[in-house]
N, C-alpha and C. Protein backbone atom coordinates (compact mmCIF):
# COMPACT_ATOMS: atom_id res chain seq x y z
N MET A 1 92.56 94.55 94.24
CA MET A 1 93.84 94.09 93.78
C MET A 1 94.82 95.24 93.89
N SER A 2 96.02 94.93 94.38
CA SER A 2 97.01 95.98 94.50
C SER A 2 98.41 95.40 94.37
N LEU A 3 99.34 96.25 93.97
CA LEU A 3 100.75 95.90 93.92
C LEU A 3 101.46 96.71 94.98
N ASP A 4 101.97 96.03 96.02
CA ASP A 4 102.74 96.77 97.01
C ASP A 4 104.18 96.93 96.50
N ASP A 5 105.01 97.62 97.26
CA ASP A 5 106.37 97.92 96.82
C ASP A 5 107.24 96.68 96.63
N GLU A 6 106.86 95.55 97.23
CA GLU A 6 107.67 94.34 97.14
C GLU A 6 107.25 93.42 96.00
N ARG A 7 106.24 93.78 95.25
CA ARG A 7 105.69 92.90 94.21
C ARG A 7 105.81 93.54 92.83
N ASP A 8 106.09 92.70 91.82
CA ASP A 8 106.05 93.18 90.45
C ASP A 8 104.88 92.59 89.68
N SER A 9 104.12 91.71 90.35
CA SER A 9 102.93 91.13 89.73
C SER A 9 101.95 90.70 90.82
N HIS A 10 100.69 90.64 90.44
CA HIS A 10 99.64 90.20 91.37
C HIS A 10 98.57 89.49 90.56
N LEU A 11 98.23 88.28 90.99
CA LEU A 11 97.23 87.47 90.30
C LEU A 11 95.93 87.44 91.09
N VAL A 12 94.84 87.49 90.38
CA VAL A 12 93.54 87.21 90.97
C VAL A 12 93.16 85.84 90.43
N LEU A 13 93.09 84.87 91.33
CA LEU A 13 92.82 83.49 90.96
C LEU A 13 91.36 83.16 91.24
N VAL A 14 90.83 82.24 90.45
CA VAL A 14 89.44 81.82 90.59
C VAL A 14 89.40 80.30 90.69
N PRO A 15 88.32 79.75 91.27
CA PRO A 15 88.18 78.29 91.27
C PRO A 15 88.21 77.77 89.83
N ASN A 16 88.75 76.59 89.66
CA ASN A 16 88.92 76.03 88.32
C ASN A 16 87.58 75.82 87.61
N PRO A 17 87.50 76.26 86.35
CA PRO A 17 86.31 75.98 85.56
C PRO A 17 86.34 74.52 85.09
N PRO A 18 85.19 73.97 84.70
CA PRO A 18 85.14 72.56 84.28
C PRO A 18 86.11 72.21 83.15
N GLN A 19 86.34 73.15 82.23
CA GLN A 19 87.21 72.85 81.09
C GLN A 19 88.70 72.92 81.46
N HIS A 20 89.02 73.30 82.69
CA HIS A 20 90.43 73.40 83.12
C HIS A 20 90.55 72.92 84.57
N PRO A 21 90.25 71.64 84.82
CA PRO A 21 90.16 71.15 86.21
C PRO A 21 91.47 71.13 86.98
N ARG A 22 92.62 71.09 86.30
CA ARG A 22 93.91 71.03 87.01
C ARG A 22 94.40 72.40 87.46
N GLY A 23 93.92 73.46 86.86
CA GLY A 23 94.32 74.80 87.27
C GLY A 23 95.71 75.18 86.79
N ASP A 24 96.05 76.42 87.02
CA ASP A 24 97.34 76.95 86.61
C ASP A 24 98.32 77.03 87.78
N PHE A 25 97.80 77.42 88.95
CA PHE A 25 98.64 77.69 90.10
C PHE A 25 97.94 77.22 91.36
N GLY A 26 98.69 77.13 92.43
CA GLY A 26 98.13 76.92 93.75
C GLY A 26 98.17 78.24 94.50
N LEU A 27 97.59 78.26 95.67
CA LEU A 27 97.58 79.47 96.49
C LEU A 27 97.98 79.09 97.91
N GLN A 28 99.03 79.74 98.40
CA GLN A 28 99.50 79.55 99.78
C GLN A 28 99.44 80.90 100.47
N GLY A 29 98.40 81.14 101.21
CA GLY A 29 98.21 82.44 101.84
C GLY A 29 97.99 83.49 100.78
N THR A 30 98.89 84.45 100.69
CA THR A 30 98.77 85.50 99.67
C THR A 30 99.81 85.34 98.57
N LEU A 31 100.39 84.13 98.46
CA LEU A 31 101.38 83.88 97.42
C LEU A 31 100.92 82.75 96.52
N PRO A 32 101.06 82.94 95.21
CA PRO A 32 100.77 81.83 94.29
C PRO A 32 101.92 80.85 94.32
N CYS A 33 101.68 79.62 93.93
CA CYS A 33 102.74 78.64 93.86
C CYS A 33 102.59 77.81 92.61
N ARG A 34 103.70 77.29 92.17
CA ARG A 34 103.74 76.44 91.00
C ARG A 34 104.74 75.36 91.28
N PRO A 35 104.46 74.09 91.09
CA PRO A 35 103.20 73.61 90.54
C PRO A 35 102.07 73.70 91.55
N PRO A 36 100.85 73.52 91.06
CA PRO A 36 99.71 73.56 91.99
C PRO A 36 99.93 72.58 93.14
N ASN A 37 99.46 72.97 94.31
CA ASN A 37 99.69 72.18 95.52
C ASN A 37 98.48 71.36 95.93
N GLY A 38 97.60 71.05 95.00
CA GLY A 38 96.36 70.37 95.34
C GLY A 38 95.24 71.36 95.54
N ASN A 39 95.57 72.58 95.89
CA ASN A 39 94.62 73.68 96.05
C ASN A 39 94.71 74.52 94.77
N THR A 40 94.36 73.91 93.64
CA THR A 40 94.63 74.53 92.35
C THR A 40 93.62 75.61 92.02
N ARG A 41 94.09 76.58 91.27
CA ARG A 41 93.27 77.70 90.84
C ARG A 41 93.66 78.08 89.43
N SER A 42 92.75 78.67 88.73
CA SER A 42 93.02 79.22 87.41
C SER A 42 93.21 80.72 87.53
N GLN A 43 94.06 81.25 86.66
CA GLN A 43 94.28 82.70 86.67
C GLN A 43 93.09 83.39 86.05
N GLY A 44 92.61 84.45 86.72
CA GLY A 44 91.53 85.26 86.19
C GLY A 44 92.07 86.53 85.57
N ILE A 45 92.53 87.45 86.39
CA ILE A 45 93.13 88.69 85.91
C ILE A 45 94.43 88.93 86.67
N ALA A 46 95.22 89.87 86.19
CA ALA A 46 96.50 90.14 86.84
C ALA A 46 96.91 91.59 86.61
N ALA A 47 97.81 92.06 87.46
CA ALA A 47 98.42 93.38 87.31
C ALA A 47 99.92 93.18 87.32
N TYR A 48 100.62 93.95 86.50
CA TYR A 48 102.07 93.81 86.37
C TYR A 48 102.73 95.18 86.39
N ARG A 49 103.91 95.26 87.01
CA ARG A 49 104.77 96.44 86.91
C ARG A 49 105.67 96.27 85.68
N ASN A 50 106.22 97.35 85.20
CA ASN A 50 107.14 97.28 84.06
C ASN A 50 108.30 96.32 84.34
N GLU A 51 108.77 96.28 85.59
CA GLU A 51 109.90 95.43 85.96
C GLU A 51 109.61 93.94 85.72
N PHE A 52 108.36 93.57 85.77
CA PHE A 52 107.97 92.18 85.53
C PHE A 52 108.45 91.73 84.16
N PHE A 53 108.46 92.64 83.20
CA PHE A 53 108.81 92.31 81.82
C PHE A 53 110.29 92.55 81.50
N SER A 54 111.11 92.74 82.52
CA SER A 54 112.53 92.98 82.33
C SER A 54 113.15 91.84 81.53
N GLY A 55 113.93 92.20 80.50
CA GLY A 55 114.61 91.21 79.68
C GLY A 55 113.80 90.66 78.54
N CYS A 56 112.56 91.10 78.40
CA CYS A 56 111.70 90.61 77.32
C CYS A 56 111.92 91.43 76.04
N ALA A 57 111.85 90.74 74.92
CA ALA A 57 111.90 91.42 73.63
C ALA A 57 110.48 91.78 73.22
N ASP A 58 110.38 92.76 72.34
CA ASP A 58 109.07 93.11 71.79
C ASP A 58 108.47 91.91 71.09
N GLY A 59 107.16 91.84 71.08
CA GLY A 59 106.48 90.76 70.38
C GLY A 59 105.63 89.93 71.32
N VAL A 60 105.17 88.83 70.80
CA VAL A 60 104.30 87.92 71.54
C VAL A 60 105.15 86.86 72.25
N PHE A 61 104.85 86.60 73.50
CA PHE A 61 105.57 85.59 74.27
C PHE A 61 104.66 85.11 75.40
N PRO A 62 104.89 83.90 75.90
CA PRO A 62 104.06 83.39 77.00
C PRO A 62 104.39 84.08 78.31
N LEU A 63 103.37 84.29 79.13
CA LEU A 63 103.56 84.91 80.44
C LEU A 63 103.99 83.92 81.52
N LYS A 64 103.66 82.65 81.34
CA LYS A 64 103.91 81.68 82.40
C LYS A 64 105.35 81.65 82.88
N PRO A 65 106.37 81.64 82.00
CA PRO A 65 107.74 81.65 82.51
C PRO A 65 108.05 82.90 83.33
N LEU A 66 107.48 84.03 82.95
CA LEU A 66 107.70 85.26 83.71
C LEU A 66 107.01 85.18 85.08
N LEU A 67 105.82 84.59 85.11
CA LEU A 67 105.12 84.41 86.38
C LEU A 67 105.90 83.47 87.30
N VAL A 68 106.41 82.38 86.75
CA VAL A 68 107.19 81.43 87.56
C VAL A 68 108.43 82.12 88.10
N ARG A 69 109.10 82.95 87.28
CA ARG A 69 110.27 83.70 87.74
C ARG A 69 109.90 84.65 88.88
N SER A 70 108.79 85.35 88.72
CA SER A 70 108.33 86.29 89.74
C SER A 70 107.96 85.55 91.03
N MET A 71 107.32 84.40 90.90
CA MET A 71 106.96 83.60 92.08
C MET A 71 108.20 83.12 92.81
N ALA A 72 109.19 82.66 92.06
CA ALA A 72 110.43 82.16 92.67
C ALA A 72 111.15 83.26 93.44
N ALA A 73 111.04 84.48 92.96
CA ALA A 73 111.67 85.62 93.64
C ALA A 73 110.78 86.21 94.74
N LYS A 74 109.63 85.58 94.97
CA LYS A 74 108.66 86.06 95.97
C LYS A 74 108.21 87.49 95.66
N ARG A 75 108.10 87.81 94.37
CA ARG A 75 107.67 89.14 93.95
C ARG A 75 106.28 89.11 93.32
N CYS A 76 105.58 87.99 93.45
CA CYS A 76 104.24 87.84 92.90
C CYS A 76 103.26 87.59 94.04
N GLY A 77 102.24 88.42 94.15
CA GLY A 77 101.19 88.22 95.13
C GLY A 77 99.97 87.60 94.46
N ALA A 78 99.03 87.17 95.27
CA ALA A 78 97.82 86.57 94.71
C ALA A 78 96.68 86.66 95.71
N GLU A 79 95.49 86.56 95.18
CA GLU A 79 94.29 86.50 96.00
C GLU A 79 93.28 85.62 95.29
N LEU A 80 92.34 85.11 96.05
CA LEU A 80 91.29 84.25 95.51
C LEU A 80 90.01 85.04 95.39
N TYR A 81 89.41 85.02 94.21
CA TYR A 81 88.12 85.65 93.97
C TYR A 81 87.08 84.55 93.89
N THR A 82 86.04 84.63 94.71
CA THR A 82 85.02 83.58 94.73
C THR A 82 83.66 84.08 94.25
N GLY A 83 83.61 85.32 93.73
CA GLY A 83 82.35 85.86 93.21
C GLY A 83 82.04 85.30 91.84
N LEU A 84 81.04 85.87 91.21
CA LEU A 84 80.62 85.44 89.89
C LEU A 84 81.73 85.69 88.88
N TRP A 85 82.12 84.67 88.15
CA TRP A 85 83.16 84.76 87.14
C TRP A 85 82.91 83.69 86.10
N GLU A 86 83.04 84.03 84.85
CA GLU A 86 82.86 83.08 83.76
C GLU A 86 84.08 83.12 82.86
N ASP A 87 84.52 81.96 82.42
CA ASP A 87 85.64 81.86 81.49
C ASP A 87 85.07 81.99 80.08
N VAL A 88 85.30 83.12 79.46
CA VAL A 88 84.81 83.35 78.09
C VAL A 88 85.98 83.30 77.11
N GLY A 89 86.87 82.35 77.30
CA GLY A 89 88.09 82.26 76.52
C GLY A 89 87.93 81.79 75.09
N THR A 90 86.73 81.38 74.70
CA THR A 90 86.51 80.98 73.31
C THR A 90 85.20 81.59 72.82
N PRO A 91 85.04 81.75 71.51
CA PRO A 91 83.77 82.25 70.98
C PRO A 91 82.59 81.36 71.37
N GLU A 92 82.82 80.05 71.46
CA GLU A 92 81.75 79.13 71.82
C GLU A 92 81.27 79.35 73.25
N ARG A 93 82.19 79.55 74.17
CA ARG A 93 81.80 79.79 75.57
C ARG A 93 81.07 81.14 75.72
N LEU A 94 81.52 82.15 74.98
CA LEU A 94 80.82 83.43 75.00
C LEU A 94 79.41 83.28 74.44
N ALA A 95 79.26 82.57 73.34
CA ALA A 95 77.94 82.36 72.74
C ALA A 95 77.02 81.61 73.70
N ALA A 96 77.57 80.61 74.41
CA ALA A 96 76.75 79.86 75.36
C ALA A 96 76.26 80.77 76.49
N LEU A 97 77.10 81.70 76.93
CA LEU A 97 76.68 82.63 77.99
C LEU A 97 75.63 83.62 77.49
N ASN A 98 75.76 84.02 76.24
CA ASN A 98 74.81 84.98 75.65
C ASN A 98 73.53 84.32 75.19
N GLY A 99 73.57 82.98 75.07
CA GLY A 99 72.43 82.24 74.52
C GLY A 99 71.32 82.13 75.46
């Protein structure tokens, strides 16, 4: 994963897990797209430059609007990861993996 000089964010997308079949984004070459284009993917990990957060106030806020803004400006890159990956987004899913 890398951020070149033209990008302020980069997503590593994974195939959709069963609990999230619609996905978050689509992938067109090396660019993410929203809404998903039928080739849907879920976000795995990401890297961001400080500029990505321009205009944000301190505190908790959703990333999705910032990602959509970055995508619209063609400043967000993406890649597909097809290796081993598990969504451990809840204590129950983590327990199932450890069980």
